[in-house]
Amino acid sequence: MAEGLTTRSSRSSVLRIALPGPYGTVHRGQDRTVVELHGEIDIAACSLIGAYLDVVTAVRDHEVLVDLTQVAFFDCSGLTLLCRALRRTASNGGRLWVICDRPAILRVFRASGVLEVFQMLPTLDAAVAAQN
């Protein structure tokens, strides 16, 4: 998991990890972790990024934001992955937020009956503001 790992200095250091393939990045700061997913989140993608989400959601009392704004396709495999991440985050005393403004992806959540289970917001800025 050390591939693509960089750190930046600012007020607080930020750790950036590239997910395998074209599937996005993880940005980890002191207060929260942002998982930016890209492209098609299907069973193949989930098998590659699941371990990364497991690491992110194992941190106690941590905020995890999963950004789906750059996702072109999202199916029930992705939803299963996020349900697992939600359970793991909650069991560790944290919260998981989903950033999504795409109607097709929101339909997957709605059709599965879990839209209200997730804390959904349309933008990353809105999610950060809601946490404060």
N, C-alpha and C. Protein backbone atom coordinates (compact mmCIF):
# COMPACT_ATOMS: atom_id res chain seq x y z
N MET A 1 0.81 -1.18 0.00
CA MET A 1 0.00 0.00 0.00
C MET A 1 0.86 1.26 0.00
N ALA A 2 2.15 1.12 0.02
CA ALA A 2 3.03 2.28 0.05
C ALA A 2 3.18 2.92 -1.32
N GLU A 3 2.75 2.27 -2.39
CA GLU A 3 2.84 2.86 -3.71
C GLU A 3 1.95 4.08 -3.79
N GLY A 4 2.45 5.14 -4.39
CA GLY A 4 1.66 6.35 -4.58
C GLY A 4 1.48 7.15 -3.30
N LEU A 5 2.27 6.88 -2.29
CA LEU A 5 2.12 7.53 -1.00
C LEU A 5 2.92 8.82 -0.97
N THR A 6 2.28 9.93 -0.68
CA THR A 6 2.98 11.19 -0.55
C THR A 6 2.44 11.92 0.67
N THR A 7 3.25 12.79 1.23
CA THR A 7 2.77 13.64 2.31
C THR A 7 3.00 15.08 1.94
N ARG A 8 2.11 15.93 2.39
CA ARG A 8 2.23 17.36 2.19
C ARG A 8 2.21 18.03 3.54
N SER A 9 2.95 19.10 3.67
CA SER A 9 2.93 19.85 4.92
C SER A 9 2.08 21.09 4.73
N SER A 10 1.24 21.34 5.68
CA SER A 10 0.48 22.58 5.77
C SER A 10 0.22 22.74 7.26
N ARG A 11 -0.95 23.18 7.62
CA ARG A 11 -1.27 23.26 9.04
C ARG A 11 -1.20 21.89 9.68
N SER A 12 -1.79 20.92 9.03
CA SER A 12 -1.68 19.55 9.49
C SER A 12 -1.21 18.73 8.30
N SER A 13 -0.44 17.72 8.56
CA SER A 13 0.06 16.94 7.44
C SER A 13 -1.07 16.10 6.86
N VAL A 14 -1.00 15.91 5.56
CA VAL A 14 -2.00 15.14 4.85
C VAL A 14 -1.29 13.98 4.19
N LEU A 15 -1.83 12.81 4.37
CA LEU A 15 -1.30 11.61 3.75
C LEU A 15 -2.17 11.30 2.54
N ARG A 16 -1.53 11.06 1.40
CA ARG A 16 -2.28 10.77 0.18
C ARG A 16 -1.85 9.41 -0.34
N ILE A 17 -2.83 8.53 -0.56
CA ILE A 17 -2.56 7.19 -1.06
C ILE A 17 -3.38 6.99 -2.33
N ALA A 18 -2.73 6.61 -3.40
CA ALA A 18 -3.44 6.31 -4.65
C ALA A 18 -4.04 4.91 -4.55
N LEU A 19 -5.30 4.80 -4.87
CA LEU A 19 -5.94 3.49 -4.92
C LEU A 19 -5.45 2.75 -6.16
N PRO A 20 -5.52 1.43 -6.18
CA PRO A 20 -5.04 0.70 -7.35
C PRO A 20 -5.86 1.04 -8.60
N GLY A 21 -5.19 0.97 -9.73
CA GLY A 21 -5.88 1.24 -10.99
C GLY A 21 -6.36 2.68 -11.05
N PRO A 22 -7.43 2.92 -11.77
CA PRO A 22 -7.95 4.28 -11.91
C PRO A 22 -9.03 4.61 -10.89
N TYR A 23 -9.01 3.96 -9.74
CA TYR A 23 -10.17 4.03 -8.84
C TYR A 23 -10.16 5.16 -7.84
N GLY A 24 -9.13 5.99 -7.81
CA GLY A 24 -9.18 7.15 -6.95
C GLY A 24 -8.02 7.29 -6.00
N THR A 25 -8.25 8.08 -4.94
CA THR A 25 -7.22 8.35 -3.95
C THR A 25 -7.84 8.42 -2.55
N VAL A 26 -6.96 8.28 -1.57
CA VAL A 26 -7.34 8.46 -0.17
C VAL A 26 -6.51 9.61 0.38
N HIS A 27 -7.16 10.58 0.97
CA HIS A 27 -6.51 11.72 1.60
C HIS A 27 -6.81 11.63 3.09
N ARG A 28 -5.78 11.49 3.88
CA ARG A 28 -5.99 11.33 5.31
C ARG A 28 -5.36 12.48 6.07
N GLY A 29 -6.18 13.20 6.79
CA GLY A 29 -5.71 14.28 7.65
C GLY A 29 -5.94 13.89 9.09
N GLN A 30 -5.71 14.81 9.97
CA GLN A 30 -5.84 14.54 11.39
C GLN A 30 -7.30 14.29 11.80
N ASP A 31 -8.22 15.04 11.21
CA ASP A 31 -9.62 14.96 11.63
C ASP A 31 -10.48 14.02 10.80
N ARG A 32 -10.07 13.78 9.57
CA ARG A 32 -10.94 13.00 8.68
C ARG A 32 -10.14 12.35 7.57
N THR A 33 -10.76 11.36 6.96
CA THR A 33 -10.20 10.72 5.78
C THR A 33 -11.21 10.88 4.64
N VAL A 34 -10.72 11.33 3.50
CA VAL A 34 -11.56 11.47 2.31
C VAL A 34 -11.13 10.39 1.32
N VAL A 35 -12.08 9.57 0.93
CA VAL A 35 -11.84 8.54 -0.08
C VAL A 35 -12.54 9.01 -1.34
N GLU A 36 -11.75 9.44 -2.33
CA GLU A 36 -12.30 9.89 -3.61
C GLU A 36 -12.30 8.71 -4.56
N LEU A 37 -13.48 8.27 -4.95
CA LEU A 37 -13.58 7.16 -5.90
C LEU A 37 -13.82 7.73 -7.29
N HIS A 38 -13.24 7.06 -8.28
CA HIS A 38 -13.35 7.50 -9.68
C HIS A 38 -13.78 6.34 -10.56
N GLY A 39 -14.36 6.66 -11.69
CA GLY A 39 -14.62 5.66 -12.72
C GLY A 39 -15.79 4.75 -12.42
N GLU A 40 -15.60 3.47 -12.68
CA GLU A 40 -16.66 2.48 -12.51
C GLU A 40 -16.41 1.67 -11.25
N ILE A 41 -17.34 1.76 -10.32
CA ILE A 41 -17.24 1.02 -9.07
C ILE A 41 -18.16 -0.19 -9.18
N ASP A 42 -17.56 -1.28 -9.63
CA ASP A 42 -18.27 -2.54 -9.82
C ASP A 42 -17.55 -3.63 -9.05
N ILE A 43 -17.89 -4.88 -9.28
CA ILE A 43 -17.30 -5.98 -8.51
C ILE A 43 -15.78 -6.04 -8.67
N ALA A 44 -15.27 -5.76 -9.84
CA ALA A 44 -13.82 -5.79 -10.06
C ALA A 44 -13.13 -4.69 -9.25
N ALA A 45 -13.70 -3.50 -9.27
CA ALA A 45 -13.12 -2.38 -8.52
C ALA A 45 -13.19 -2.65 -7.02
N CYS A 46 -14.31 -3.18 -6.57
CA CYS A 46 -14.49 -3.42 -5.14
C CYS A 46 -13.49 -4.44 -4.60
N SER A 47 -13.15 -5.41 -5.42
CA SER A 47 -12.17 -6.41 -4.97
C SER A 47 -10.79 -5.78 -4.78
N LEU A 48 -10.52 -4.69 -5.48
CA LEU A 48 -9.23 -4.00 -5.35
C LEU A 48 -9.22 -2.93 -4.26
N ILE A 49 -10.33 -2.24 -4.08
CA ILE A 49 -10.33 -1.12 -3.13
C ILE A 49 -10.89 -1.49 -1.77
N GLY A 50 -11.46 -2.66 -1.63
CA GLY A 50 -12.04 -3.07 -0.35
C GLY A 50 -11.05 -3.06 0.80
N ALA A 51 -9.84 -3.54 0.57
CA ALA A 51 -8.83 -3.58 1.63
C ALA A 51 -8.44 -2.17 2.08
N TYR A 52 -8.42 -1.22 1.16
CA TYR A 52 -8.10 0.16 1.51
C TYR A 52 -9.19 0.74 2.40
N LEU A 53 -10.44 0.48 2.05
CA LEU A 53 -11.54 0.97 2.89
C LEU A 53 -11.52 0.31 4.26
N ASP A 54 -11.13 -0.95 4.32
CA ASP A 54 -11.03 -1.63 5.62
C ASP A 54 -10.01 -0.93 6.53
N VAL A 55 -8.89 -0.52 5.96
CA VAL A 55 -7.87 0.18 6.75
C VAL A 55 -8.41 1.53 7.22
N VAL A 56 -9.04 2.27 6.33
CA VAL A 56 -9.57 3.59 6.66
C VAL A 56 -10.64 3.51 7.74
N THR A 57 -11.49 2.51 7.68
CA THR A 57 -12.61 2.41 8.61
C THR A 57 -12.24 1.75 9.93
N ALA A 58 -11.00 1.32 10.08
CA ALA A 58 -10.56 0.69 11.33
C ALA A 58 -10.09 1.71 12.37
N VAL A 59 -9.97 2.97 11.97
CA VAL A 59 -9.50 4.01 12.88
C VAL A 59 -10.62 4.39 13.84
N ARG A 60 -10.31 4.46 15.12
CA ARG A 60 -11.31 4.79 16.14
C ARG A 60 -11.67 6.28 16.10
N ASP A 61 -12.96 6.55 16.33
CA ASP A 61 -13.48 7.92 16.44
C ASP A 61 -13.02 8.81 15.29
N HIS A 62 -13.20 8.34 14.08
CA HIS A 62 -12.71 9.05 12.91
C HIS A 62 -13.86 9.33 11.94
N GLU A 63 -13.76 10.42 11.22
CA GLU A 63 -14.73 10.78 10.19
C GLU A 63 -14.22 10.27 8.85
N VAL A 64 -15.05 9.56 8.12
CA VAL A 64 -14.69 9.06 6.79
C VAL A 64 -15.69 9.64 5.80
N LEU A 65 -15.17 10.28 4.76
CA LEU A 65 -16.00 10.84 3.71
C LEU A 65 -15.69 10.09 2.42
N VAL A 66 -16.70 9.49 1.83
CA VAL A 66 -16.53 8.77 0.57
C VAL A 66 -17.15 9.63 -0.52
N ASP A 67 -16.30 10.11 -1.41
CA ASP A 67 -16.71 11.04 -2.46
C ASP A 67 -16.99 10.27 -3.75
N LEU A 68 -18.26 10.26 -4.16
CA LEU A 68 -18.67 9.56 -5.38
C LEU A 68 -18.92 10.52 -6.54
N THR A 69 -18.53 11.78 -6.42
CA THR A 69 -18.85 12.75 -7.46
C THR A 69 -18.12 12.49 -8.78
N GLN A 70 -17.04 11.71 -8.76
CA GLN A 70 -16.30 11.39 -9.98
C GLN A 70 -16.56 9.96 -10.46
N VAL A 71 -17.60 9.33 -9.92
CA VAL A 71 -17.93 7.95 -10.27
C VAL A 71 -18.92 7.96 -11.43
N ALA A 72 -18.59 7.23 -12.49
CA ALA A 72 -19.46 7.15 -13.67
C ALA A 72 -20.46 6.00 -13.58
N PHE A 73 -20.10 4.94 -12.87
CA PHE A 73 -20.97 3.77 -12.75
C PHE A 73 -20.83 3.21 -11.34
N PHE A 74 -21.95 2.83 -10.75
CA PHE A 74 -21.96 2.33 -9.37
C PHE A 74 -23.06 1.28 -9.28
N ASP A 75 -22.69 0.07 -8.88
CA ASP A 75 -23.70 -0.98 -8.79
C ASP A 75 -23.81 -1.51 -7.37
N CYS A 76 -24.52 -2.62 -7.20
CA CYS A 76 -24.76 -3.17 -5.87
C CYS A 76 -23.46 -3.63 -5.19
N SER A 77 -22.43 -3.92 -5.95
CA SER A 77 -21.14 -4.27 -5.36
C SER A 77 -20.57 -3.07 -4.60
N GLY A 78 -20.67 -1.91 -5.20
CA GLY A 78 -20.22 -0.70 -4.54
C GLY A 78 -21.06 -0.39 -3.32
N LEU A 79 -22.34 -0.63 -3.42
CA LEU A 79 -23.23 -0.40 -2.29
C LEU A 79 -22.90 -1.34 -1.13
N THR A 80 -22.61 -2.59 -1.44
CA THR A 80 -22.20 -3.56 -0.42
C THR A 80 -20.92 -3.10 0.26
N LEU A 81 -19.98 -2.62 -0.53
CA LEU A 81 -18.72 -2.12 0.01
C LEU A 81 -18.96 -0.95 0.97
N LEU A 82 -19.84 -0.03 0.60
CA LEU A 82 -20.12 1.11 1.46
C LEU A 82 -20.91 0.72 2.71
N CYS A 83 -21.79 -0.27 2.60
CA CYS A 83 -22.51 -0.76 3.78
C CYS A 83 -21.52 -1.36 4.79
N ARG A 84 -20.56 -2.10 4.29
CA ARG A 84 -19.53 -2.66 5.16
C ARG A 84 -18.70 -1.55 5.82
N ALA A 85 -18.33 -0.54 5.02
CA ALA A 85 -17.56 0.58 5.55
C ALA A 85 -18.36 1.34 6.61
N LEU A 86 -19.65 1.50 6.38
CA LEU A 86 -20.51 2.18 7.36
C LEU A 86 -20.55 1.41 8.68
N ARG A 87 -20.73 0.10 8.60
CA ARG A 87 -20.75 -0.74 9.82
C ARG A 87 -19.43 -0.65 10.56
N ARG A 88 -18.33 -0.75 9.85
CA ARG A 88 -17.00 -0.72 10.48
C ARG A 88 -16.72 0.64 11.11
N THR A 89 -17.08 1.70 10.43
CA THR A 89 -16.86 3.04 10.97
C THR A 89 -17.68 3.24 12.24
N ALA A 90 -18.95 2.87 12.19
CA ALA A 90 -19.83 3.04 13.35
C ALA A 90 -19.35 2.19 14.53
N SER A 91 -18.90 0.98 14.26
CA SER A 91 -18.45 0.11 15.36
C SER A 91 -17.16 0.63 16.00
N ASN A 92 -16.46 1.51 15.32
CA ASN A 92 -15.25 2.12 15.87
C ASN A 92 -15.49 3.54 16.38
N GLY A 93 -16.77 3.91 16.52
CA GLY A 93 -17.10 5.20 17.09
C GLY A 93 -16.99 6.37 16.14
N GLY A 94 -16.88 6.10 14.86
CA GLY A 94 -16.75 7.18 13.87
C GLY A 94 -18.03 7.37 13.08
N ARG A 95 -17.95 8.19 12.05
CA ARG A 95 -19.08 8.43 11.16
C ARG A 95 -18.60 8.35 9.72
N LEU A 96 -19.48 7.86 8.87
CA LEU A 96 -19.20 7.77 7.44
C LEU A 96 -20.19 8.67 6.71
N TRP A 97 -19.68 9.50 5.83
CA TRP A 97 -20.48 10.40 5.02
C TRP A 97 -20.28 10.01 3.56
N VAL A 98 -21.32 10.11 2.76
CA VAL A 98 -21.22 9.84 1.33
C VAL A 98 -21.53 11.13 0.59
N ILE A 99 -20.61 11.52 -0.28
CA ILE A 99 -20.79 12.71 -1.10
C ILE A 99 -21.20 12.25 -2.48
N CYS A 100 -22.41 12.63 -2.87
CA CYS A 100 -22.92 12.19 -4.16
C CYS A 100 -23.99 13.15 -4.66
N ASP A 101 -23.84 13.55 -5.91
CA ASP A 101 -24.83 14.42 -6.53
C ASP A 101 -25.35 13.82 -7.84
N ARG A 102 -25.03 12.57 -8.09
CA ARG A 102 -25.40 11.94 -9.36
C ARG A 102 -26.71 11.16 -9.21
N PRO A 103 -27.75 11.55 -9.95
CA PRO A 103 -29.05 10.89 -9.82
C PRO A 103 -29.02 9.38 -10.05
N ALA A 104 -28.24 8.92 -11.01
CA ALA A 104 -28.19 7.47 -11.29
C ALA A 104 -27.63 6.70 -10.10
N ILE A 105 -26.65 7.26 -9.42
CA ILE A 105 -26.06 6.58 -8.26
C ILE A 105 -27.01 6.67 -7.07
N LEU A 106 -27.64 7.81 -6.90
CA LEU A 106 -28.61 7.95 -5.81
C LEU A 106 -29.78 6.97 -5.98
N ARG A 107 -30.13 6.67 -7.22
CA ARG A 107 -31.19 5.68 -7.48
C ARG A 107 -30.82 4.30 -6.96
N VAL A 108 -29.54 3.94 -7.05
CA VAL A 108 -29.08 2.65 -6.52
C VAL A 108 -29.31 2.60 -5.02
N PHE A 109 -28.96 3.66 -4.32
CA PHE A 109 -29.19 3.74 -2.87
C PHE A 109 -30.69 3.67 -2.56
N ARG A 110 -31.48 4.44 -3.30
CA ARG A 110 -32.93 4.51 -3.07
C ARG A 110 -33.59 3.16 -3.35
N ALA A 111 -33.25 2.54 -4.48
CA ALA A 111 -33.85 1.26 -4.85
C ALA A 111 -33.50 0.15 -3.86
N SER A 112 -32.35 0.27 -3.23
CA SER A 112 -31.92 -0.72 -2.25
C SER A 112 -32.50 -0.45 -0.87
N GLY A 113 -33.14 0.69 -0.69
CA GLY A 113 -33.75 1.02 0.58
C GLY A 113 -32.78 1.51 1.64
N VAL A 114 -31.60 1.97 1.23
CA VAL A 114 -30.60 2.40 2.21
C VAL A 114 -30.23 3.88 2.09
N LEU A 115 -30.96 4.62 1.29
CA LEU A 115 -30.63 6.04 1.10
C LEU A 115 -30.62 6.79 2.44
N GLU A 116 -31.61 6.52 3.29
CA GLU A 116 -31.70 7.22 4.57
C GLU A 116 -30.72 6.67 5.60
N VAL A 117 -30.14 5.52 5.35
CA VAL A 117 -29.18 4.93 6.28
C VAL A 117 -27.86 5.70 6.24
N PHE A 118 -27.53 6.20 5.08
CA PHE A 118 -26.27 6.93 4.89
C PHE A 118 -26.48 8.42 5.10
N GLN A 119 -25.44 9.08 5.57
CA GLN A 119 -25.44 10.54 5.65
C GLN A 119 -24.94 11.03 4.29
N MET A 120 -25.87 11.45 3.45
CA MET A 120 -25.57 11.83 2.08
C MET A 120 -25.57 13.36 1.94
N LEU A 121 -24.55 13.86 1.26
CA LEU A 121 -24.47 15.28 0.96
C LEU A 121 -23.98 15.45 -0.47
N PRO A 122 -24.35 16.56 -1.13
CA PRO A 122 -24.03 16.71 -2.56
C PRO A 122 -22.59 17.10 -2.86
N THR A 123 -21.90 17.75 -1.92
CA THR A 123 -20.52 18.21 -2.18
C THR A 123 -19.64 17.94 -0.97
N LEU A 124 -18.35 17.90 -1.23
CA LEU A 124 -17.37 17.73 -0.16
C LEU A 124 -17.42 18.92 0.80
N ASP A 125 -17.57 20.12 0.28
CA ASP A 125 -17.67 21.31 1.13
C ASP A 125 -18.87 21.21 2.08
N ALA A 126 -20.00 20.73 1.58
CA ALA A 126 -21.19 20.57 2.42
C ALA A 126 -20.95 19.53 3.52
N ALA A 127 -20.24 18.46 3.18
CA ALA A 127 -19.95 17.42 4.18
C ALA A 127 -19.01 17.93 5.26
N VAL A 128 -17.99 18.68 4.88
CA VAL A 128 -17.05 19.24 5.85
C VAL A 128 -17.78 20.24 6.75
N ALA A 129 -18.63 21.08 6.16
CA ALA A 129 -19.38 22.06 6.95
C ALA A 129 -20.34 21.35 7.91
N ALA A 130 -20.96 20.26 7.50
CA ALA A 130 -21.90 19.54 8.35
C ALA A 130 -21.19 18.88 9.52
N GLN A 131 -19.94 18.56 9.38
CA GLN A 131 -19.18 17.94 10.47
C GLN A 131 -18.84 18.92 11.56
N ASN A 132 -18.71 20.19 11.23
CA ASN A 132 -18.28 21.20 12.21
C ASN A 132 -19.42 21.73 13.02
